[in-house]
Amino acid sequence: MNHSLNPEPSGDKRRTSHLVRWLARRRRTIATQILRGACYGIGTGAVGLAFWWIEWWAEHH
């Protein structure tokens, strides 16, 4: 019988704890990738808007 004060966590708790540690170690990488994706999205939107505006301007002048 195991009477220790810190028994081994169950499978679900062990997995969750492992996931939390993994995310903590990669927090900076994850944040950087989110920022990078947002910048690409903003850039793509700006280029699309610029082309739309150029086409609109060409049709009306």
C-alpha atoms as a PDB file:
ATOM      1  CA  MET A   1       0.000   0.000   0.000  1.00  0.00           C
ATOM      2  CA  ASN A   2       1.291   3.451  -0.878  1.00  0.00           C
ATOM      3  CA  HIS A   3       1.040   5.866   2.069  1.00  0.00           C
ATOM      4  CA  SER A   4       3.348   8.586   0.734  1.00  0.00           C
ATOM      5  CA  LEU A   5       2.314  12.227   1.068  1.00  0.00           C
ATOM      6  CA  ASN A   6       2.860  12.876  -2.659  1.00  0.00           C
ATOM      7  CA  PRO A   7       1.388   9.943  -4.551  1.00  0.00           C
ATOM      8  CA  GLU A   8       1.926   9.677  -8.290  1.00  0.00           C
ATOM      9  CA  PRO A   9      -0.731  11.642 -10.183  1.00  0.00           C
ATOM     10  CA  SER A  10      -3.284   9.724 -12.182  1.00  0.00           C
ATOM     11  CA  GLY A  11      -2.960   9.449 -15.963  1.00  0.00           C
ATOM     12  CA  ASP A  12      -5.165  12.486 -16.701  1.00  0.00           C
ATOM     13  CA  LYS A  13      -3.435  14.703 -14.149  1.00  0.00           C
ATOM     14  CA  ARG A  14      -0.005  13.594 -15.372  1.00  0.00           C
ATOM     15  CA  ARG A  15      -0.947  14.407 -18.977  1.00  0.00           C
ATOM     16  CA  THR A  16      -2.357  17.810 -18.009  1.00  0.00           C
ATOM     17  CA  SER A  17       0.707  18.606 -15.940  1.00  0.00           C
ATOM     18  CA  HIS A  18       2.974  17.565 -18.819  1.00  0.00           C
ATOM     19  CA  LEU A  19       0.990  19.754 -21.237  1.00  0.00           C
ATOM     20  CA  VAL A  20       1.183  22.760 -18.886  1.00  0.00           C
ATOM     21  CA  ARG A  21       4.963  22.361 -18.535  1.00  0.00           C
ATOM     22  CA  TRP A  22       5.346  21.940 -22.316  1.00  0.00           C
ATOM     23  CA  LEU A  23       3.322  25.118 -22.972  1.00  0.00           C
ATOM     24  CA  ALA A  24       5.293  27.045 -20.337  1.00  0.00           C
ATOM     25  CA  ARG A  25       8.583  26.076 -21.992  1.00  0.00           C
ATOM     26  CA  ARG A  26       7.329  27.169 -25.403  1.00  0.00           C
ATOM     27  CA  ARG A  27       5.424  30.283 -24.324  1.00  0.00           C
ATOM     28  CA  ARG A  28       7.755  32.694 -26.142  1.00  0.00           C
ATOM     29  CA  THR A  29       7.707  30.644 -29.365  1.00  0.00           C
ATOM     30  CA  ILE A  30       3.916  30.425 -29.297  1.00  0.00           C
ATOM     31  CA  ALA A  31       3.552  34.181 -28.695  1.00  0.00           C
ATOM     32  CA  THR A  32       6.027  34.939 -31.488  1.00  0.00           C
ATOM     33  CA  GLN A  33       4.158  32.724 -33.944  1.00  0.00           C
ATOM     34  CA  ILE A  34       0.818  34.331 -33.046  1.00  0.00           C
ATOM     35  CA  LEU A  35       2.311  37.796 -33.577  1.00  0.00           C
ATOM     36  CA  ARG A  36       3.888  36.690 -36.850  1.00  0.00           C
ATOM     37  CA  GLY A  37       0.566  35.321 -38.095  1.00  0.00           C
ATOM     38  CA  ALA A  38      -1.227  38.533 -37.122  1.00  0.00           C
ATOM     39  CA  CYS A  39       1.370  40.599 -38.999  1.00  0.00           C
ATOM     40  CA  TYR A  40       1.031  38.431 -42.109  1.00  0.00           C
ATOM     41  CA  GLY A  41      -2.747  38.788 -41.902  1.00  0.00           C
ATOM     42  CA  ILE A  42      -2.567  42.573 -41.536  1.00  0.00           C
ATOM     43  CA  GLY A  43      -0.106  42.797 -44.433  1.00  0.00           C
ATOM     44  CA  THR A  44      -2.244  40.619 -46.664  1.00  0.00           C
ATOM     45  CA  GLY A  45      -5.321  42.673 -45.822  1.00  0.00           C
ATOM     46  CA  ALA A  46      -3.479  45.947 -46.515  1.00  0.00           C
ATOM     47  CA  VAL A  47      -2.249  44.728 -49.916  1.00  0.00           C
ATOM     48  CA  GLY A  48      -5.719  43.467 -50.828  1.00  0.00           C
ATOM     49  CA  LEU A  49      -7.280  46.776 -49.788  1.00  0.00           C
ATOM     50  CA  ALA A  50      -4.669  48.713 -51.800  1.00  0.00           C
ATOM     51  CA  PHE A  51      -5.402  46.680 -54.937  1.00  0.00           C
ATOM     52  CA  TRP A  52      -9.136  47.075 -54.429  1.00  0.00           C
ATOM     53  CA  TRP A  53      -8.705  50.838 -54.043  1.00  0.00           C
ATOM     54  CA  ILE A  54      -6.502  51.016 -57.205  1.00  0.00           C
ATOM     55  CA  GLU A  55      -9.115  49.109 -59.212  1.00  0.00           C
ATOM     56  CA  TRP A  56     -11.931  51.287 -57.864  1.00  0.00           C
ATOM     57  CA  TRP A  57      -9.967  54.458 -58.605  1.00  0.00           C
ATOM     58  CA  ALA A  58      -9.151  53.277 -62.167  1.00  0.00           C
ATOM     59  CA  GLU A  59     -12.845  52.625 -62.877  1.00  0.00           C
ATOM     60  CA  HIS A  60     -13.997  56.016 -61.603  1.00  0.00           C
ATOM     61  CA  HIS A  61     -11.361  58.242 -63.248  1.00  0.00           C
END
